[in-house]
Amino acid sequence: MNPPSSALRYAWFVVALLFPVALLNYLDRQMLASMKFSVMHDVPGIDTDAHWGLMLGQFKWVYAFLSPLGGLVADRFGRRLTIACSLFAWSAVTWWTGSVATFHELMWARTLMGISEAFYIPAALALIADYHPGPTRSRAVSVHQMGIYMGVIIGSFAGYAADAPDIGWRRTFDLCGVAGFVVAIPLFFLLRDP
């Protein structure tokens, strides 16, 4: 049995709402890696590749271990609230990352980024699955995944912004953090749990 057309339209609207969130989720984590030399030059304490690798790995370890908690929170408190709060939190961390002054602050920023981003993917995929029964689920997930890959691709070019004298790596983080705040606002009002 096919869902009513209004329900199917909203199901695709959910995917459209989540697409830029998925893009930002991966853009915000990817762009730091492509800004290596600008950040190492500007932030005291990142004087070796070992420190750089430790900082990048910090995010991944925290993210990996907290993802199951993200799924638990989404199941208990709802996907909409989990998604919107996660986006708002990691946008704040992204914005703050542009202001860090030391290696230790950057390590804390990456830790908080791992915590805040770990809640998004479990909630988003569950919400998409809730709204897209069998016939459209794979397509819906693939469109969402496209947002993720676009974030990775755009984040890979962030090194150009970091090296641009009129932009720089700090301003890039500021702008991406503000973009996340802007995207988070409509999610609170337009996204709903089924």
C-alpha atoms as a PDB file:
ATOM      1  CA  MET A   1       0.000   0.000   0.000  1.00  0.00           C
ATOM      2  CA  ASN A   2       1.408   3.386  -1.022  1.00  0.00           C
ATOM      3  CA  PRO A   3       1.410   6.220   1.522  1.00  0.00           C
ATOM      4  CA  PRO A   4      -0.809   9.237   0.753  1.00  0.00           C
ATOM      5  CA  SER A   5       0.839  11.815  -1.481  1.00  0.00           C
ATOM      6  CA  SER A   6       0.918  14.465   1.294  1.00  0.00           C
ATOM      7  CA  ALA A   7       2.760  12.020   3.581  1.00  0.00           C
ATOM      8  CA  LEU A   8       5.212  11.183   0.802  1.00  0.00           C
ATOM      9  CA  ARG A   9       5.799  14.875   0.102  1.00  0.00           C
ATOM     10  CA  TYR A  10       6.596  15.504   3.754  1.00  0.00           C
ATOM     11  CA  ALA A  11       8.857  12.428   3.797  1.00  0.00           C
ATOM     12  CA  TRP A  12      10.921  13.977   0.988  1.00  0.00           C
ATOM     13  CA  PHE A  13      10.753  17.367   2.709  1.00  0.00           C
ATOM     14  CA  VAL A  14      12.434  15.714   5.715  1.00  0.00           C
ATOM     15  CA  VAL A  15      15.251  14.548   3.446  1.00  0.00           C
ATOM     16  CA  ALA A  16      15.539  18.065   1.984  1.00  0.00           C
ATOM     17  CA  LEU A  17      15.760  19.530   5.502  1.00  0.00           C
ATOM     18  CA  LEU A  18      18.439  17.030   6.512  1.00  0.00           C
ATOM     19  CA  PHE A  19      20.550  17.381   3.350  1.00  0.00           C
ATOM     20  CA  PRO A  20      22.293  20.640   4.404  1.00  0.00           C
ATOM     21  CA  VAL A  21      22.675  19.285   7.946  1.00  0.00           C
ATOM     22  CA  ALA A  22      24.475  16.211   6.604  1.00  0.00           C
ATOM     23  CA  LEU A  23      26.641  18.468   4.437  1.00  0.00           C
ATOM     24  CA  LEU A  24      27.608  20.626   7.435  1.00  0.00           C
ATOM     25  CA  ASN A  25      28.170  17.549   9.603  1.00  0.00           C
ATOM     26  CA  TYR A  26      30.957  16.380   7.331  1.00  0.00           C
ATOM     27  CA  LEU A  27      32.174  19.791   6.164  1.00  0.00           C
ATOM     28  CA  ASP A  28      32.823  20.928   9.738  1.00  0.00           C
ATOM     29  CA  ARG A  29      34.866  17.829  10.541  1.00  0.00           C
ATOM     30  CA  GLN A  30      36.698  17.574   7.206  1.00  0.00           C
ATOM     31  CA  MET A  31      37.867  21.117   6.644  1.00  0.00           C
ATOM     32  CA  LEU A  32      40.358  21.192   9.517  1.00  0.00           C
ATOM     33  CA  ALA A  33      42.407  18.408   7.908  1.00  0.00           C
ATOM     34  CA  SER A  34      42.850  20.443   4.721  1.00  0.00           C
ATOM     35  CA  MET A  35      43.934  23.521   6.730  1.00  0.00           C
ATOM     36  CA  LYS A  36      46.891  21.766   8.362  1.00  0.00           C
ATOM     37  CA  PHE A  37      49.684  24.194   7.537  1.00  0.00           C
ATOM     38  CA  SER A  38      47.647  27.337   8.226  1.00  0.00           C
ATOM     39  CA  VAL A  39      46.509  26.037  11.609  1.00  0.00           C
ATOM     40  CA  MET A  40      49.924  24.645  12.602  1.00  0.00           C
ATOM     41  CA  HIS A  41      51.515  27.983  11.755  1.00  0.00           C
ATOM     42  CA  ASP A  42      48.936  29.935  13.770  1.00  0.00           C
ATOM     43  CA  VAL A  43      48.258  27.811  16.875  1.00  0.00           C
ATOM     44  CA  PRO A  44      51.137  27.369  19.366  1.00  0.00           C
ATOM     45  CA  GLY A  45      51.793  23.813  20.518  1.00  0.00           C
ATOM     46  CA  ILE A  46      51.005  22.012  17.269  1.00  0.00           C
ATOM     47  CA  ASP A  47      54.654  21.778  16.402  1.00  0.00           C
ATOM     48  CA  THR A  48      54.814  18.181  15.145  1.00  0.00           C
ATOM     49  CA  ASP A  49      52.878  15.870  12.870  1.00  0.00           C
ATOM     50  CA  ALA A  50      52.357  13.666  15.937  1.00  0.00           C
ATOM     51  CA  HIS A  51      50.447  16.472  17.683  1.00  0.00           C
ATOM     52  CA  TRP A  52      48.448  17.098  14.511  1.00  0.00           C
ATOM     53  CA  GLY A  53      47.556  13.407  14.247  1.00  0.00           C
ATOM     54  CA  LEU A  54      46.632  13.249  17.930  1.00  0.00           C
ATOM     55  CA  MET A  55      44.272  16.188  17.489  1.00  0.00           C
ATOM     56  CA  LEU A  56      42.605  14.678  14.401  1.00  0.00           C
ATOM     57  CA  GLY A  57      42.348  11.269  16.065  1.00  0.00           C
ATOM     58  CA  GLN A  58      40.783  12.779  19.187  1.00  0.00           C
ATOM     59  CA  PHE A  59      37.658  13.675  17.244  1.00  0.00           C
ATOM     60  CA  LYS A  60      37.367  10.227  15.663  1.00  0.00           C
ATOM     61  CA  TRP A  61      37.763   8.270  18.907  1.00  0.00           C
ATOM     62  CA  VAL A  62      35.206  10.380  20.763  1.00  0.00           C
ATOM     63  CA  TYR A  63      32.782  10.263  17.826  1.00  0.00           C
ATOM     64  CA  ALA A  64      33.106   6.481  17.456  1.00  0.00           C
ATOM     65  CA  PHE A  65      32.512   5.685  21.106  1.00  0.00           C
ATOM     66  CA  LEU A  66      29.624   8.116  21.579  1.00  0.00           C
ATOM     67  CA  SER A  67      27.636   7.229  18.443  1.00  0.00           C
ATOM     68  CA  PRO A  68      25.714   4.437  20.247  1.00  0.00           C
ATOM     69  CA  LEU A  69      24.812   6.966  22.948  1.00  0.00           C
ATOM     70  CA  GLY A  70      23.551   9.247  20.172  1.00  0.00           C
ATOM     71  CA  GLY A  71      21.232   6.490  18.999  1.00  0.00           C
ATOM     72  CA  LEU A  72      20.004   5.863  22.535  1.00  0.00           C
ATOM     73  CA  VAL A  73      19.255   9.570  23.073  1.00  0.00           C
ATOM     74  CA  ALA A  74      17.421   9.800  19.731  1.00  0.00           C
ATOM     75  CA  ASP A  75      15.276   6.767  20.621  1.00  0.00           C
ATOM     76  CA  ARG A  76      14.484   8.124  24.060  1.00  0.00           C
ATOM     77  CA  PHE A  77      13.987  11.853  23.429  1.00  0.00           C
ATOM     78  CA  GLY A  78      13.001  11.934  19.763  1.00  0.00           C
ATOM     79  CA  ARG A  79      14.869  12.330  16.523  1.00  0.00           C
ATOM     80  CA  ARG A  80      13.828  15.952  15.813  1.00  0.00           C
ATOM     81  CA  LEU A  81      15.121  17.313  19.106  1.00  0.00           C
ATOM     82  CA  THR A  82      18.313  15.233  18.930  1.00  0.00           C
ATOM     83  CA  ILE A  83      19.076  16.416  15.383  1.00  0.00           C
ATOM     84  CA  ALA A  84      18.379  20.098  16.053  1.00  0.00           C
ATOM     85  CA  CYS A  85      20.298  20.174  19.349  1.00  0.00           C
ATOM     86  CA  SER A  86      23.221  18.269  17.853  1.00  0.00           C
ATOM     87  CA  LEU A  87      23.461  20.720  14.941  1.00  0.00           C
ATOM     88  CA  PHE A  88      23.209  23.719  17.246  1.00  0.00           C
ATOM     89  CA  ALA A  89      25.903  22.313  19.559  1.00  0.00           C
ATOM     90  CA  TRP A  90      28.408  21.408  16.852  1.00  0.00           C
ATOM     91  CA  SER A  91      27.830  24.764  15.151  1.00  0.00           C
ATOM     92  CA  ALA A  92      28.763  26.480  18.412  1.00  0.00           C
ATOM     93  CA  VAL A  93      31.900  24.327  18.611  1.00  0.00           C
ATOM     94  CA  THR A  94      32.716  25.092  14.961  1.00  0.00           C
ATOM     95  CA  TRP A  95      32.370  28.804  15.625  1.00  0.00           C
ATOM     96  CA  TRP A  96      34.522  28.526  18.772  1.00  0.00           C
ATOM     97  CA  THR A  97      37.201  26.574  16.877  1.00  0.00           C
ATOM     98  CA  GLY A  98      37.907  29.724  14.900  1.00  0.00           C
ATOM     99  CA  SER A  99      38.921  31.422  18.165  1.00  0.00           C
ATOM    100  CA  VAL A 100      41.193  28.811  19.770  1.00  0.00           C
ATOM    101  CA  ALA A 101      44.589  30.099  20.825  1.00  0.00           C
ATOM    102  CA  THR A 102      46.433  26.965  21.979  1.00  0.00           C
ATOM    103  CA  PHE A 103      46.834  23.298  21.122  1.00  0.00           C
ATOM    104  CA  HIS A 104      44.947  22.334  24.299  1.00  0.00           C
ATOM    105  CA  GLU A 105      41.983  24.508  23.324  1.00  0.00           C
ATOM    106  CA  LEU A 106      41.972  22.914  19.890  1.00  0.00           C
ATOM    107  CA  MET A 107      42.009  19.446  21.500  1.00  0.00           C
ATOM    108  CA  TRP A 108      38.998  20.441  23.600  1.00  0.00           C
ATOM    109  CA  ALA A 109      37.258  21.810  20.517  1.00  0.00           C
ATOM    110  CA  ARG A 110      37.788  18.527  18.662  1.00  0.00           C
ATOM    111  CA  THR A 111      36.576  16.558  21.680  1.00  0.00           C
ATOM    112  CA  LEU A 112      33.404  18.636  21.889  1.00  0.00           C
ATOM    113  CA  MET A 113      32.974  18.338  18.120  1.00  0.00           C
ATOM    114  CA  GLY A 114      33.112  14.550  18.435  1.00  0.00           C
ATOM    115  CA  ILE A 115      30.546  14.580  21.231  1.00  0.00           C
ATOM    116  CA  SER A 116      28.099  16.917  19.508  1.00  0.00           C
ATOM    117  CA  GLU A 117      28.320  15.347  16.040  1.00  0.00           C
ATOM    118  CA  ALA A 118      27.937  11.770  17.336  1.00  0.00           C
ATOM    119  CA  PHE A 119      24.237  12.350  17.921  1.00  0.00           C
ATOM    120  CA  TYR A 120      23.322  13.380  14.365  1.00  0.00           C
ATOM    121  CA  ILE A 121      23.747  10.350  12.072  1.00  0.00           C
ATOM    122  CA  PRO A 122      21.858   7.797  14.226  1.00  0.00           C
ATOM    123  CA  ALA A 123      18.925  10.205  14.639  1.00  0.00           C
ATOM    124  CA  ALA A 124      18.891  11.321  10.993  1.00  0.00           C
ATOM    125  CA  LEU A 125      18.988   7.827   9.518  1.00  0.00           C
ATOM    126  CA  ALA A 126      16.306   6.652  11.935  1.00  0.00           C
ATOM    127  CA  LEU A 127      14.074   9.605  11.033  1.00  0.00           C
ATOM    128  CA  ILE A 128      14.520   8.960   7.322  1.00  0.00           C
ATOM    129  CA  ALA A 129      13.655   5.290   7.886  1.00  0.00           C
ATOM    130  CA  ASP A 130      10.585   6.321   9.897  1.00  0.00           C
ATOM    131  CA  TYR A 131       9.255   8.449   7.043  1.00  0.00           C
ATOM    132  CA  HIS A 132      10.350   6.278   4.125  1.00  0.00           C
ATOM    133  CA  PRO A 133       8.934   2.775   4.155  1.00  0.00           C
ATOM    134  CA  GLY A 134      10.418   0.118   1.881  1.00  0.00           C
ATOM    135  CA  PRO A 135       9.809   1.543  -1.613  1.00  0.00           C
ATOM    136  CA  THR A 136      11.582   4.904  -1.084  1.00  0.00           C
ATOM    137  CA  ARG A 137      13.927   4.240   1.831  1.00  0.00           C
ATOM    138  CA  SER A 138      17.067   3.435  -0.157  1.00  0.00           C
ATOM    139  CA  ARG A 139      16.630   6.472  -2.392  1.00  0.00           C
ATOM    140  CA  ALA A 140      16.018   8.735   0.592  1.00  0.00           C
ATOM    141  CA  VAL A 141      19.116   7.481   2.407  1.00  0.00           C
ATOM    142  CA  SER A 142      21.187   7.866  -0.772  1.00  0.00           C
ATOM    143  CA  VAL A 143      20.125  11.522  -1.167  1.00  0.00           C
ATOM    144  CA  HIS A 144      21.086  12.130   2.460  1.00  0.00           C
ATOM    145  CA  GLN A 145      24.431  10.393   1.836  1.00  0.00           C
ATOM    146  CA  MET A 146      25.000  12.725  -1.105  1.00  0.00           C
ATOM    147  CA  GLY A 147      24.911  15.621   1.374  1.00  0.00           C
ATOM    148  CA  ILE A 148      27.571  13.860   3.430  1.00  0.00           C
ATOM    149  CA  TYR A 149      29.845  13.378   0.429  1.00  0.00           C
ATOM    150  CA  MET A 150      29.332  16.952  -0.711  1.00  0.00           C
ATOM    151  CA  GLY A 151      30.445  18.069   2.753  1.00  0.00           C
ATOM    152  CA  VAL A 152      33.591  15.955   2.455  1.00  0.00           C
ATOM    153  CA  ILE A 153      34.331  17.368  -1.012  1.00  0.00           C
ATOM    154  CA  ILE A 154      33.759  20.998  -0.024  1.00  0.00           C
ATOM    155  CA  GLY A 155      35.718  20.482   3.192  1.00  0.00           C
ATOM    156  CA  SER A 156      38.658  19.218   1.165  1.00  0.00           C
ATOM    157  CA  PHE A 157      38.839  22.594  -0.568  1.00  0.00           C
ATOM    158  CA  ALA A 158      38.839  24.529   2.714  1.00  0.00           C
ATOM    159  CA  GLY A 159      42.613  24.788   2.507  1.00  0.00           C
ATOM    160  CA  TYR A 160      42.140  27.358  -0.247  1.00  0.00           C
ATOM    161  CA  ALA A 161      40.032  29.496   2.089  1.00  0.00           C
ATOM    162  CA  ALA A 162      42.585  29.023   4.865  1.00  0.00           C
ATOM    163  CA  ASP A 163      45.369  30.321   2.643  1.00  0.00           C
ATOM    164  CA  ALA A 164      43.352  33.230   1.230  1.00  0.00           C
ATOM    165  CA  PRO A 165      44.547  36.446   2.916  1.00  0.00           C
ATOM    166  CA  ASP A 166      41.044  37.954   3.006  1.00  0.00           C
ATOM    167  CA  ILE A 167      39.414  34.823   4.498  1.00  0.00           C
ATOM    168  CA  GLY A 168      41.772  32.610   6.517  1.00  0.00           C
ATOM    169  CA  TRP A 169      41.088  29.465   8.511  1.00  0.00           C
ATOM    170  CA  ARG A 170      39.557  31.259  11.521  1.00  0.00           C
ATOM    171  CA  ARG A 171      36.988  33.148   9.488  1.00  0.00           C
ATOM    172  CA  THR A 172      36.089  29.957   7.610  1.00  0.00           C
ATOM    173  CA  PHE A 173      35.227  28.269  10.926  1.00  0.00           C
ATOM    174  CA  ASP A 174      33.253  31.346  12.005  1.00  0.00           C
ATOM    175  CA  LEU A 175      31.208  31.316   8.799  1.00  0.00           C
ATOM    176  CA  CYS A 176      30.503  27.590   8.953  1.00  0.00           C
ATOM    177  CA  GLY A 177      29.420  27.887  12.587  1.00  0.00           C
ATOM    178  CA  VAL A 178      27.003  30.697  11.725  1.00  0.00           C
ATOM    179  CA  ALA A 179      25.679  28.670   8.775  1.00  0.00           C
ATOM    180  CA  GLY A 180      24.896  25.837  11.187  1.00  0.00           C
ATOM    181  CA  PHE A 181      22.981  28.168  13.508  1.00  0.00           C
ATOM    182  CA  VAL A 182      20.950  29.422  10.543  1.00  0.00           C
ATOM    183  CA  VAL A 183      20.117  25.867   9.411  1.00  0.00           C
ATOM    184  CA  ALA A 184      19.240  24.755  12.971  1.00  0.00           C
ATOM    185  CA  ILE A 185      16.459  27.307  13.430  1.00  0.00           C
ATOM    186  CA  PRO A 186      13.995  25.939  10.849  1.00  0.00           C
ATOM    187  CA  LEU A 187      14.640  22.373  12.023  1.00  0.00           C
ATOM    188  CA  PHE A 188      13.070  23.177  15.401  1.00  0.00           C
ATOM    189  CA  PHE A 189       9.885  24.354  13.648  1.00  0.00           C
ATOM    190  CA  LEU A 190       9.630  22.295  10.458  1.00  0.00           C
ATOM    191  CA  LEU A 191      11.031  18.888  11.414  1.00  0.00           C
ATOM    192  CA  ARG A 192       8.772  16.580  13.362  1.00  0.00           C
ATOM    193  CA  ASP A 193       8.885  13.050  14.635  1.00  0.00           C
ATOM    194  CA  PRO A 194       6.295  10.757  13.028  1.00  0.00           C
END
